[in-house]
């Protein structure tokens, strides 16, 4: 059975966030599992890493909605 992957760009586009802004926020979060420099932000769906990325994405969405 193959685990499904998603990328930061896919996640961002799915909710109308600029992928570059999302990747910047991910780098700023400095996760201990952070990808290699200039590498892809590909993670398994429903993994702990995916959950961390979702949290950053929700934070971006909340900041965007504030007046």
C-alpha atoms as a PDB file:
ATOM      1  CA  UNK A   1       0.000   0.000   0.000  1.00  0.00           C
ATOM      2  CA  UNK A   2       1.364   3.388  -1.040  1.00  0.00           C
ATOM      3  CA  UNK A   3       1.080   6.345   1.303  1.00  0.00           C
ATOM      4  CA  UNK A   4      -0.400   9.435  -0.327  1.00  0.00           C
ATOM      5  CA  UNK A   5       1.685  12.571  -0.337  1.00  0.00           C
ATOM      6  CA  UNK A   6       0.768  16.217  -0.462  1.00  0.00           C
ATOM      7  CA  UNK A   7       2.928  19.279  -0.958  1.00  0.00           C
ATOM      8  CA  UNK A   8       2.964  22.721   0.593  1.00  0.00           C
ATOM      9  CA  UNK A   9       1.954  24.215  -2.746  1.00  0.00           C
ATOM     10  CA  UNK A  10      -1.062  21.895  -3.065  1.00  0.00           C
ATOM     11  CA  UNK A  11      -2.159  22.635   0.480  1.00  0.00           C
ATOM     12  CA  UNK A  12      -1.837  26.386   0.007  1.00  0.00           C
ATOM     13  CA  UNK A  13      -3.660  26.498  -3.323  1.00  0.00           C
ATOM     14  CA  UNK A  14      -6.509  24.387  -1.962  1.00  0.00           C
ATOM     15  CA  UNK A  15      -7.451  27.220   0.431  1.00  0.00           C
ATOM     16  CA  UNK A  16      -6.422  30.220  -1.672  1.00  0.00           C
ATOM     17  CA  UNK A  17      -3.102  30.991   0.015  1.00  0.00           C
ATOM     18  CA  UNK A  18      -0.005  31.977  -1.954  1.00  0.00           C
ATOM     19  CA  UNK A  19       2.308  28.936  -1.944  1.00  0.00           C
ATOM     20  CA  UNK A  20       5.395  31.143  -1.543  1.00  0.00           C
ATOM     21  CA  UNK A  21       3.929  32.787   1.555  1.00  0.00           C
ATOM     22  CA  UNK A  22       3.067  29.372   2.978  1.00  0.00           C
ATOM     23  CA  UNK A  23       6.560  27.997   2.379  1.00  0.00           C
ATOM     24  CA  UNK A  24       8.041  31.110   4.016  1.00  0.00           C
ATOM     25  CA  UNK A  25       5.829  30.556   7.063  1.00  0.00           C
ATOM     26  CA  UNK A  26       6.907  26.903   7.156  1.00  0.00           C
ATOM     27  CA  UNK A  27      10.575  27.888   7.112  1.00  0.00           C
ATOM     28  CA  UNK A  28       9.921  30.447   9.856  1.00  0.00           C
ATOM     29  CA  UNK A  29       8.313  27.712  11.992  1.00  0.00           C
ATOM     30  CA  UNK A  30      11.691  25.904  12.068  1.00  0.00           C
ATOM     31  CA  UNK A  31      10.303  22.410  12.498  1.00  0.00           C
ATOM     32  CA  UNK A  32      12.862  19.851  13.706  1.00  0.00           C
ATOM     33  CA  UNK A  33      11.942  17.715  10.682  1.00  0.00           C
ATOM     34  CA  UNK A  34      12.294  20.626   8.259  1.00  0.00           C
ATOM     35  CA  UNK A  35      13.070  19.663   4.683  1.00  0.00           C
ATOM     36  CA  UNK A  36      16.426  20.199   3.012  1.00  0.00           C
ATOM     37  CA  UNK A  37      17.226  23.650   1.660  1.00  0.00           C
ATOM     38  CA  UNK A  38      15.508  24.123  -1.696  1.00  0.00           C
ATOM     39  CA  UNK A  39      13.814  20.766  -1.226  1.00  0.00           C
ATOM     40  CA  UNK A  40      10.133  20.040  -1.604  1.00  0.00           C
ATOM     41  CA  UNK A  41       7.726  20.240   1.306  1.00  0.00           C
ATOM     42  CA  UNK A  42       6.174  16.855   0.545  1.00  0.00           C
ATOM     43  CA  UNK A  43       4.628  14.975   3.448  1.00  0.00           C
ATOM     44  CA  UNK A  44       2.392  11.961   3.967  1.00  0.00           C
ATOM     45  CA  UNK A  45      -1.263  12.791   4.449  1.00  0.00           C
ATOM     46  CA  UNK A  46      -2.354  12.571   8.092  1.00  0.00           C
ATOM     47  CA  UNK A  47       1.222  12.308   9.350  1.00  0.00           C
ATOM     48  CA  UNK A  48       2.481  14.423  12.265  1.00  0.00           C
ATOM     49  CA  UNK A  49       4.347  16.589   9.730  1.00  0.00           C
ATOM     50  CA  UNK A  50       1.142  17.123   7.753  1.00  0.00           C
ATOM     51  CA  UNK A  51      -0.623  18.145  10.938  1.00  0.00           C
ATOM     52  CA  UNK A  52       2.113  20.685  11.710  1.00  0.00           C
ATOM     53  CA  UNK A  53       1.854  22.123   8.212  1.00  0.00           C
ATOM     54  CA  UNK A  54      -1.939  22.405   8.533  1.00  0.00           C
ATOM     55  CA  UNK A  55      -1.485  24.345  11.769  1.00  0.00           C
ATOM     56  CA  UNK A  56       0.778  26.864  10.022  1.00  0.00           C
ATOM     57  CA  UNK A  57      -1.700  27.145   7.157  1.00  0.00           C
ATOM     58  CA  UNK A  58      -4.614  27.812   9.517  1.00  0.00           C
ATOM     59  CA  UNK A  59      -2.545  30.488  11.243  1.00  0.00           C
ATOM     60  CA  UNK A  60      -1.954  32.185   7.885  1.00  0.00           C
ATOM     61  CA  UNK A  61      -5.664  32.051   7.107  1.00  0.00           C
ATOM     62  CA  UNK A  62      -6.553  33.590  10.474  1.00  0.00           C
ATOM     63  CA  UNK A  63      -4.039  36.418   9.993  1.00  0.00           C
ATOM     64  CA  UNK A  64      -5.480  37.114   6.539  1.00  0.00           C
ATOM     65  CA  UNK A  65      -9.014  37.469   7.935  1.00  0.00           C
ATOM     66  CA  UNK A  66      -8.088  39.974  10.655  1.00  0.00           C
ATOM     67  CA  UNK A  67      -9.036  43.606   9.825  1.00  0.00           C
END
